[in-house]
Amino acid sequence: MVDKACRNCHLITEGNVCPRCKSTDLSDDFSGIVIILDPENSQIAKMMNVDRRGRYALRVR
């Protein structure tokens, strides 16, 4: 299966619906991957407005 990134929250998923925001606006054209393990203490998570663990795309086209 092909990984897709949500255009709304940038979460990377394998499905056709984003499990975080329930959006169907997904793209397989994304670049950069950030893995957030501890969103409460992560400066990158705060900059990206991420409050859950997971794989996120830096840029989604």
Protein backbone atom coordinates (compact mmCIF):
# COMPACT_ATOMS: atom_id res chain seq x y z
CA MET A 1 0.00 0.00 0.00
CA VAL A 2 1.10 3.58 -0.69
CA ASP A 3 1.53 6.04 2.16
CA LYS A 4 -0.57 9.19 1.87
CA ALA A 5 -0.41 12.43 3.82
CA CYS A 6 -3.43 14.40 4.98
CA ARG A 7 -3.53 17.90 3.53
CA ASN A 8 -5.18 19.22 6.70
CA CYS A 9 -3.11 17.80 9.58
CA HIS A 10 -0.14 16.27 7.63
CA LEU A 11 -0.51 12.85 9.30
CA ILE A 12 0.84 10.03 7.13
CA THR A 13 -1.51 7.07 6.77
CA GLU A 14 -2.02 4.03 4.55
CA GLY A 15 -5.80 4.32 4.36
CA ASN A 16 -8.13 6.54 2.35
CA VAL A 17 -9.37 8.47 5.40
CA CYS A 18 -7.21 10.34 7.91
CA PRO A 19 -7.58 8.67 11.33
CA ARG A 20 -6.81 11.94 13.12
CA CYS A 21 -9.11 14.51 11.48
CA LYS A 22 -11.35 12.17 9.42
CA SER A 23 -10.55 14.07 6.20
CA THR A 24 -10.51 12.34 2.81
CA ASP A 25 -8.27 15.05 1.30
CA LEU A 26 -5.09 12.94 1.13
CA SER A 27 -2.11 13.19 -1.20
CA ASP A 28 0.65 10.77 -2.13
CA ASP A 29 2.83 13.75 -3.13
CA PHE A 30 4.57 14.80 0.08
CA SER A 31 8.13 15.36 1.24
CA GLY A 32 9.93 15.11 4.55
CA ILE A 33 8.87 12.86 7.39
CA VAL A 34 8.86 13.73 11.09
CA ILE A 35 8.15 11.06 13.68
CA ILE A 36 6.67 12.52 16.85
CA LEU A 37 7.08 10.27 19.89
CA ASP A 38 6.50 12.71 22.75
CA PRO A 39 4.30 15.59 21.55
CA GLU A 40 4.07 17.22 24.99
CA ASN A 41 7.83 17.84 25.20
CA SER A 42 8.70 18.22 21.51
CA GLN A 43 9.50 21.67 20.15
CA ILE A 44 8.88 20.43 16.60
CA ALA A 45 5.44 19.14 17.59
CA LYS A 46 4.61 22.53 19.05
CA MET A 47 5.74 24.30 15.87
CA MET A 48 3.63 21.94 13.75
CA ASN A 49 0.62 22.15 16.13
CA VAL A 50 0.72 18.38 16.69
CA ASP A 51 -0.74 16.90 19.86
CA ARG A 52 -0.61 13.17 19.02
CA ARG A 53 2.13 10.65 18.32
CA GLY A 54 2.66 9.59 14.73
CA ARG A 55 4.38 10.13 11.40
CA TYR A 56 3.85 13.54 9.82
CA ALA A 57 4.79 15.04 6.48
CA LEU A 58 6.64 18.34 6.46
CA ARG A 59 5.23 19.38 3.10
CA VAL A 60 2.11 18.10 1.31
CA ARG A 61 1.35 19.04 -2.29
